Amino acid sequence: MVAPSGNQFWKNRSKHGRNTLFETPALLLETAQEYFEWCDSNPLKEEKIFCFQGDIIKDEITLKRVYTISGLCVYIGCSSSYFRNFKTENQDFLTVLDYIRETIYTQKFEGASVGLFNASIIARDLGLKESVDNDHRSSDGSMSPKGGAVIVSSDPIEAAKEYKKIMSDD
């Protein structure tokens, strides 16, 4: 049966929309801090084999766990897209979300800086990059060799002779 045109049934609802995971920014902050504490108290384990004075020794090494947005999302039971869109839909949570992102960024950056984490992986994840500007233009600003000459010989000895001639024509 189709609802009659112009109905006002929606006004009879007790609430509109779905429940949010966090009713207050304080609850989100508390949950994020629980995740950070869980990461710190549950390090990753790696089994290493060492050779010491001819004896083979098997040992377990603990590795610090990196804080991540995706790890936080798994911990709280939401998707990464939910967390990304949370900021635009809930302006009251802006400060807490920025704090969480900055905490994660700082832990990754500082951990990579002192060698706890793989620096190239963390730099890529954080969007850090080193740029080098290589200028391959000649002194006149073009990409052409001096005097506009082009070496066309496929014989290496002939090409070397032509190159030497071009370079000495200064």
Foldseek 3Di string as FASTA:
>chain_A
DDDDPPDDVVVVDPDDDDDDLDPALVVVLVLLVVLVVCQAVDFDKDWDWDADPNDIDIDIDTARGADDLCSSCVSSVHHSVCLVCVCVVDVNNVVSSVVSVVVNLVRLVVCCVVPSDVVVVSCVVVVHDDDDDDDCPDPVRHNAPPPNDDQDDPDPVVSVVVVVVRVVPD
